[in-house]
Structures are given as C-alpha cells and as structure tokens.
Protein backbone atom coordinates (compact mmCIF):
# COMPACT_ATOMS: atom_id res chain seq x y z
CA UNK A 1 -20.53 143.11 -57.75
CA UNK A 2 -18.59 140.86 -60.09
CA UNK A 3 -19.17 137.13 -60.00
CA UNK A 4 -17.80 135.45 -56.88
CA UNK A 5 -14.47 133.87 -57.77
CA UNK A 6 -13.42 132.59 -54.33
CA UNK A 7 -16.02 130.53 -52.43
CA UNK A 8 -15.50 129.15 -48.93
CA UNK A 9 -17.58 126.06 -48.22
CA UNK A 10 -18.24 124.99 -44.65
CA UNK A 11 -18.07 121.26 -43.96
CA UNK A 12 -19.17 119.54 -40.77
CA UNK A 13 -20.69 116.22 -39.77
CA UNK A 14 -24.31 117.23 -40.32
CA UNK A 15 -26.54 115.48 -42.84
CA UNK A 16 -26.93 118.67 -44.91
CA UNK A 17 -23.24 118.93 -45.69
CA UNK A 18 -23.96 116.92 -48.84
CA UNK A 19 -26.38 119.58 -50.10
CA UNK A 20 -23.85 122.33 -49.44
CA UNK A 21 -21.16 120.51 -51.42
CA UNK A 22 -23.50 120.00 -54.38
CA UNK A 23 -24.57 123.64 -54.36
CA UNK A 24 -20.97 124.87 -54.12
CA UNK A 25 -20.09 122.74 -57.13
CA UNK A 26 -22.96 124.27 -59.11
CA UNK A 27 -21.90 127.79 -58.10
CA UNK A 28 -18.31 127.10 -59.14
CA UNK A 29 -19.44 126.02 -62.58
CA UNK A 30 -21.94 128.86 -62.98
CA UNK A 31 -19.56 131.63 -61.93
CA UNK A 32 -16.22 130.15 -63.02
CA UNK A 33 -15.16 130.12 -59.37
CA UNK A 34 -12.84 128.15 -57.11
CA UNK A 35 -14.22 126.51 -53.97
CA UNK A 36 -12.24 125.85 -50.81
CA UNK A 37 -13.95 123.18 -48.73
CA UNK A 38 -12.98 123.86 -45.11
CA UNK A 39 -13.96 121.43 -42.33
CA UNK A 40 -14.85 123.28 -39.16
CA UNK A 41 -16.04 121.86 -35.85
CA UNK A 42 -15.17 122.31 -32.20
CA UNK A 43 -12.62 119.71 -31.12
CA UNK A 44 -13.76 116.83 -28.95
CA UNK A 45 -11.49 118.08 -26.16
CA UNK A 46 -13.40 121.37 -26.13
CA UNK A 47 -16.75 119.61 -26.20
CA UNK A 48 -15.69 117.27 -23.40
CA UNK A 49 -13.22 119.34 -21.33
CA UNK A 50 -13.22 116.84 -18.48
CA UNK A 51 -11.02 114.63 -20.67
CA UNK A 52 -8.16 117.11 -20.28
CA UNK A 53 -7.89 116.20 -16.62
CA UNK A 54 -8.46 112.52 -17.24
CA UNK A 55 -5.99 109.84 -18.11
CA UNK A 56 -3.85 110.13 -21.21
CA UNK A 57 -5.92 107.35 -22.74
CA UNK A 58 -9.03 109.54 -22.57
CA UNK A 59 -7.25 112.38 -24.35
CA UNK A 60 -6.12 109.95 -27.03
CA UNK A 61 -9.73 108.85 -27.49
CA UNK A 62 -10.81 112.47 -27.99
CA UNK A 63 -8.13 112.92 -30.64
CA UNK A 64 -9.31 109.77 -32.39
CA UNK A 65 -12.86 111.14 -32.42
CA UNK A 66 -11.60 114.25 -34.20
CA UNK A 67 -9.69 112.16 -36.73
CA UNK A 68 -12.71 109.99 -37.47
CA UNK A 69 -14.87 113.10 -37.96
CA UNK A 70 -12.29 114.60 -40.32
CA UNK A 71 -12.05 111.37 -42.31
CA UNK A 72 -15.84 111.18 -42.68
CA UNK A 73 -16.03 114.78 -43.89
CA UNK A 74 -13.26 114.10 -46.39
CA UNK A 75 -15.05 111.00 -47.69
CA UNK A 76 -18.30 112.97 -48.04
CA UNK A 77 -16.46 115.73 -49.89
CA UNK A 78 -14.77 113.32 -52.28
CA UNK A 79 -17.99 111.46 -53.01
CA UNK A 80 -20.17 114.53 -53.64
CA UNK A 81 -17.59 116.82 -55.21
CA UNK A 82 -17.87 114.59 -58.28
CA UNK A 83 -14.20 115.05 -59.06
CA UNK A 84 -14.65 118.72 -59.93
CA UNK A 85 -11.26 120.44 -60.41
CA UNK A 86 -12.85 123.61 -59.02
CA UNK A 87 -13.36 122.11 -55.55
CA UNK A 88 -10.37 121.95 -53.23
CA UNK A 89 -10.09 120.25 -49.84
CA UNK A 90 -8.44 122.22 -47.04
CA UNK A 91 -7.33 120.59 -43.79
CA UNK A 92 -9.12 121.71 -40.59
CA UNK A 93 -7.52 124.61 -38.77
CA UNK A 94 -6.50 124.11 -35.15
CA UNK A 95 -8.61 126.93 -33.71
CA UNK A 96 -11.90 125.74 -35.19
CA UNK A 97 -14.65 128.37 -35.68
CA UNK A 98 -12.28 131.24 -34.92
CA UNK A 99 -9.87 130.11 -37.62
CA UNK A 100 -12.75 129.62 -40.03
CA UNK A 101 -13.91 133.22 -39.47
CA UNK A 102 -10.37 134.40 -40.22
CA UNK A 103 -10.24 132.29 -43.40
CA UNK A 104 -13.60 133.76 -44.46
CA UNK A 105 -11.98 137.18 -44.88
CA UNK A 106 -10.33 135.87 -48.06
CA UNK A 107 -13.52 134.64 -49.74
CA UNK A 108 -16.00 136.43 -51.99
CA UNK A 109 -18.82 134.19 -50.80
CA UNK A 110 -19.46 131.74 -47.97
CA UNK A 111 -21.68 128.66 -48.31
CA UNK A 112 -23.12 127.76 -44.92
CA UNK A 113 -25.97 125.79 -43.39
CA UNK A 114 -28.76 126.70 -41.00
CA UNK A 115 -28.40 125.20 -37.54
CA UNK A 116 -30.51 122.10 -36.92
CA UNK A 117 -30.91 121.45 -33.22
CA UNK A 118 -32.30 117.99 -33.96
CA UNK A 119 -29.23 116.86 -35.90
CA UNK A 120 -27.04 114.51 -33.82
CA UNK A 121 -24.00 116.52 -34.92
CA UNK A 122 -25.41 119.86 -33.75
CA UNK A 123 -22.99 119.91 -30.81
CA UNK A 124 -20.00 120.03 -33.15
CA UNK A 125 -20.32 123.82 -33.35
CA UNK A 126 -21.12 126.65 -30.92
CA UNK A 127 -24.76 127.66 -30.98
CA UNK A 128 -23.85 131.11 -32.28
CA UNK A 129 -21.49 129.90 -35.02
CA UNK A 130 -23.58 131.16 -37.92
CA UNK A 131 -24.52 134.64 -36.65
CA UNK A 132 -21.07 135.31 -35.21
CA UNK A 133 -19.42 134.29 -38.48
CA UNK A 134 -21.69 136.57 -40.50
CA UNK A 135 -20.99 139.54 -38.25
CA UNK A 136 -17.27 138.94 -37.69
CA UNK A 137 -16.32 138.25 -41.30
CA UNK A 138 -18.56 140.80 -43.00
CA UNK A 139 -18.62 138.51 -46.04
CA UNK A 140 -21.82 137.62 -47.91
CA UNK A 141 -23.07 134.13 -47.18
CA UNK A 142 -25.46 131.81 -48.95
CA UNK A 143 -27.20 129.93 -46.13
CA UNK A 144 -29.08 126.72 -46.88
CA UNK A 145 -32.07 125.64 -44.78
CA UNK A 146 -31.69 122.42 -42.79
CA UNK A 147 -34.87 120.90 -44.23
CA UNK A 148 -36.44 120.47 -47.63
CA UNK A 149 -35.00 119.94 -51.10
CA UNK A 150 -32.46 122.39 -52.51
CA UNK A 151 -32.76 122.81 -56.24
CA UNK A 152 -31.16 125.36 -58.55
CA UNK A 153 -30.81 128.69 -56.75
CA UNK A 154 -31.50 132.10 -58.22
CA UNK A 155 -34.20 131.54 -60.83
CA UNK A 156 -36.80 133.43 -58.77
CA UNK A 157 -35.27 135.93 -56.37
CA UNK A 158 -36.97 137.92 -53.63
CA UNK A 159 -35.07 140.95 -52.31
CA UNK A 160 -35.94 142.15 -48.80
CA UNK A 161 -35.05 145.83 -49.07
CA UNK A 162 -34.31 148.31 -46.31
CA UNK A 163 -32.36 151.55 -46.61
CA UNK A 164 -29.37 150.29 -44.60
CA UNK A 165 -25.78 149.44 -45.42
CA UNK A 166 -26.43 145.76 -44.61
CA UNK A 167 -29.25 145.48 -47.16
CA UNK A 168 -27.21 147.43 -49.72
CA UNK A 169 -24.28 145.05 -49.29
CA UNK A 170 -26.60 142.06 -49.67
CA UNK A 171 -28.04 143.46 -52.91
CA UNK A 172 -24.55 144.13 -54.28
CA UNK A 173 -23.52 140.56 -53.46
CA UNK A 174 -26.68 139.26 -55.13
CA UNK A 175 -26.17 141.07 -58.46
CA UNK A 176 -24.68 138.00 -60.21
CA UNK A 177 -27.92 136.12 -59.44
CA UNK A 178 -30.23 139.08 -60.06
CA UNK A 179 -28.84 139.63 -63.56
CA UNK A 180 -29.47 135.98 -64.47
CA UNK A 181 -32.80 135.52 -62.67
CA UNK A 182 -35.94 134.73 -64.59
CA UNK A 183 -37.92 136.83 -62.12
CA UNK A 184 -36.99 139.38 -59.45
CA UNK A 185 -39.33 140.65 -56.74
CA UNK A 186 -38.54 143.23 -54.08
CA UNK A 187 -40.36 143.97 -50.84
CA UNK A 188 -39.96 146.66 -48.19
CA UNK A 189 -41.80 147.36 -44.95
CA UNK A 190 -42.27 150.47 -42.85
CA UNK A 191 -42.65 154.14 -43.54
CA UNK A 192 -41.47 155.17 -47.01
CA UNK A 193 -41.43 151.56 -48.28
CA UNK A 194 -42.87 152.42 -51.70
CA UNK A 195 -40.41 155.26 -52.35
CA UNK A 196 -37.41 153.20 -51.31
CA UNK A 197 -38.48 150.33 -53.55
CA UNK A 198 -38.71 152.65 -56.55
CA UNK A 199 -35.19 153.89 -55.84
CA UNK A 200 -33.99 150.28 -55.62
CA UNK A 201 -35.72 149.47 -58.90
CA UNK A 202 -33.93 152.34 -60.64
CA UNK A 203 -30.58 151.23 -59.20
CA UNK A 204 -31.06 147.62 -60.32
CA UNK A 205 -32.02 148.75 -63.80
CA UNK A 206 -28.66 150.53 -64.09
CA UNK A 207 -26.96 147.33 -62.91
CA UNK A 208 -28.38 145.31 -65.78
CA UNK A 209 -31.23 143.68 -63.88
CA UNK A 210 -34.45 143.28 -65.84
CA UNK A 211 -37.96 143.95 -64.60
CA UNK A 212 -38.32 144.08 -60.82
CA UNK A 213 -41.78 143.60 -59.38
CA UNK A 214 -42.35 145.76 -56.30
CA UNK A 215 -44.28 144.77 -53.16
CA UNK A 216 -44.70 147.64 -50.69
CA UNK A 217 -45.43 145.92 -47.39
CA UNK A 218 -47.17 148.82 -45.67
CA UNK A 219 -46.16 151.16 -42.86
CA UNK A 220 -45.84 148.47 -40.19
CA UNK A 221 -42.48 146.76 -39.88
CA UNK A 222 -43.31 144.18 -37.20
CA UNK A 223 -42.98 140.40 -37.63
CA UNK A 224 -40.96 140.98 -40.80
CA UNK A 225 -39.28 137.57 -40.71
CA UNK A 226 -42.51 135.59 -40.91
CA UNK A 227 -43.98 137.97 -43.46
CA UNK A 228 -40.92 137.53 -45.67
CA UNK A 229 -41.14 133.75 -45.52
CA UNK A 230 -44.86 133.85 -46.32
CA UNK A 231 -44.28 136.12 -49.32
CA UNK A 232 -41.37 133.98 -50.53
CA UNK A 233 -43.67 130.94 -50.46
CA UNK A 234 -46.44 132.79 -52.31
CA UNK A 235 -43.96 133.83 -55.01
CA UNK A 236 -42.28 130.39 -55.19
CA UNK A 237 -38.95 132.16 -54.68
CA UNK A 238 -35.84 129.98 -54.58
CA UNK A 239 -33.54 132.67 -53.14
CA UNK A 240 -34.10 135.40 -50.56
CA UNK A 241 -31.69 138.35 -50.36
CA UNK A 242 -31.50 140.35 -47.13
CA UNK A 243 -29.24 142.23 -44.76
CA UNK A 244 -28.03 140.60 -41.56
CA UNK A 245 -28.32 142.72 -38.42
CA UNK A 246 -26.58 142.02 -35.14
CA UNK A 247 -23.80 142.83 -32.71
CA UNK A 248 -21.88 141.28 -29.84
CA UNK A 249 -22.83 142.02 -26.25
CA UNK A 250 -20.80 140.39 -23.47
CA UNK A 251 -20.06 137.17 -25.37
CA UNK A 252 -23.65 136.96 -26.68
CA UNK A 253 -24.62 137.65 -30.25
CA UNK A 254 -27.73 139.80 -30.32
CA UNK A 255 -29.50 139.63 -33.66
CA UNK A 256 -32.20 141.82 -35.14
CA UNK A 257 -35.72 140.41 -35.13
CA UNK A 258 -35.97 139.58 -38.84
CA UNK A 259 -32.44 138.15 -38.88
CA UNK A 260 -33.10 135.94 -35.86
CA UNK A 261 -36.38 134.70 -37.32
CA UNK A 262 -34.72 133.88 -40.61
CA UNK A 263 -31.82 131.99 -39.02
CA UNK A 264 -34.32 129.94 -37.04
CA UNK A 265 -37.10 129.35 -39.55
CA UNK A 266 -35.77 129.82 -43.09
CA UNK A 267 -37.46 127.63 -45.69
CA UNK A 268 -35.37 128.60 -48.72
CA UNK A 269 -31.74 129.55 -49.38
CA UNK A 270 -30.94 133.01 -48.06
CA UNK A 271 -28.13 135.29 -49.26
CA UNK A 272 -27.20 137.43 -46.25
CA UNK A 273 -24.64 140.15 -45.64
CA UNK A 274 -23.80 142.18 -42.54
C-alpha cells in the first residue's frame, strides 16, 4: 500500500481526543497527508428523546447542548492542531455516526479511539460505534487506547498474522509503517502457524520490509487477544497490526473473540482492517 494521503480523524468530547489530534498531525507530516477532522456524536435530542415531546424550550436547550459540544471540539482542535496546514476542520454531519461511516469511505486511514466507559462523554456515541464503523466502512483504522501515554507509533511493530482477507488487508495497510520500522515481529496461532509466518516473511521481504522476527504461537488458537497483548508488552511494541472480524446480526454487532478482546482491553495503538 502507498502512504495514506487522506486521513479521517474522529473528534468527540472525550479526554483522549487531544491525543488523537496530536497523532493525526504527526501522521500527516510523516506521510505527506491531509487530515479531515470530523466531529461525530449522537445529538442531544437522540440521547434524550423525551425532549422531542416536551416544550419548545426543552428542544432549544438540547440544540444548545449540541452547539456547546461542537464549539468545545473546535477549540480543542484549534489548540492541538498547532496551526498545521495539513489539518482541516469539517462541520458535523446531521446524521451523526451514520454520516461519519459514509465519509470514511473516502479516506485511506481512520484515526479513532477505544471506547472508555468511565469517560463522562461515553454516552455521546452508540456503544457499537467503533466496531460498526470498522465493519461498515472497510477502511483501515488506527485505534488509540483510552489509557496510557501515546508516543511515536510504528518504531516497533507486532503483526498478528492469520491467513484471512482481513489480516491481509491489515498488513497491506501497515506497509508504510513496516517499511520504516526499526523492528518488526510477527506472530500466528493455530495449526500451520509456522508455515504461514514464513510465507508472510517472504511476502514482506518483497515489499521492502527488513528482517521480520517470527513467533509461532503453537497449535492452540484460544485466548488470542490476551496472548497478543502479553506478547506486545514483552516486545515493547508500539503498534499492533491485526484483522478485524465481525458481522451484523439483528442490529447487534457480533465480533470475533480476538477482535472483541482487543477493542475492550488494548494497551497500545492497533491498526485494524476488516
């Protein structure tokens, strides 16, 4: 994959929005890219539907809440964008998360944040915003954890490999980082893990990636999410690359075990692709 040139940055009222803006600015400079900063939350009227049937004054209050939230996001963007000409503010779309997913179709890369149920602003978005966006858009996303410092990303990369289209798409999206990385490790679990890793190593060599250290995880492929996080910590990785697995079932997003674990417990930035 060529360097991402069009990056869509998600803004909301959470505390970690600042980290996402800073990372997007770094990515824009590293890859000579343009960033569209798109605010996206569920409107106050949707969060408090009783207001629709209330007095006009109550509806006006809900609209004022939305305006205040938008103004705070804009102020945060202006303060942390550091005046970069590569970062561009885009007004919120009227249909919230659904409009954001549509806008994501025109981006090479999404910059998103892990859900933090303890953040006071958690209710601004549907609980399935992140997984549904990943599955609906099909675009690669760099997801930041909700806790811990976020330093430079991509110096030490761990690739979670599986012979699936989702993992292959994630690796393709990660090539700009893999080619620049100081160290690349790859791990696979389940039957045939060693053979598949050797095939991946040969592919990455042809793509201009240097030495790749292989970690066959054995024949068992249970509890992969926790095993990946443990290995990433042991290797001091600052970026994890993996496929995202899931589908919709009667308005519920059903995610694969490793994907669900990662979305809940990630401790480092994760580049994911469905």
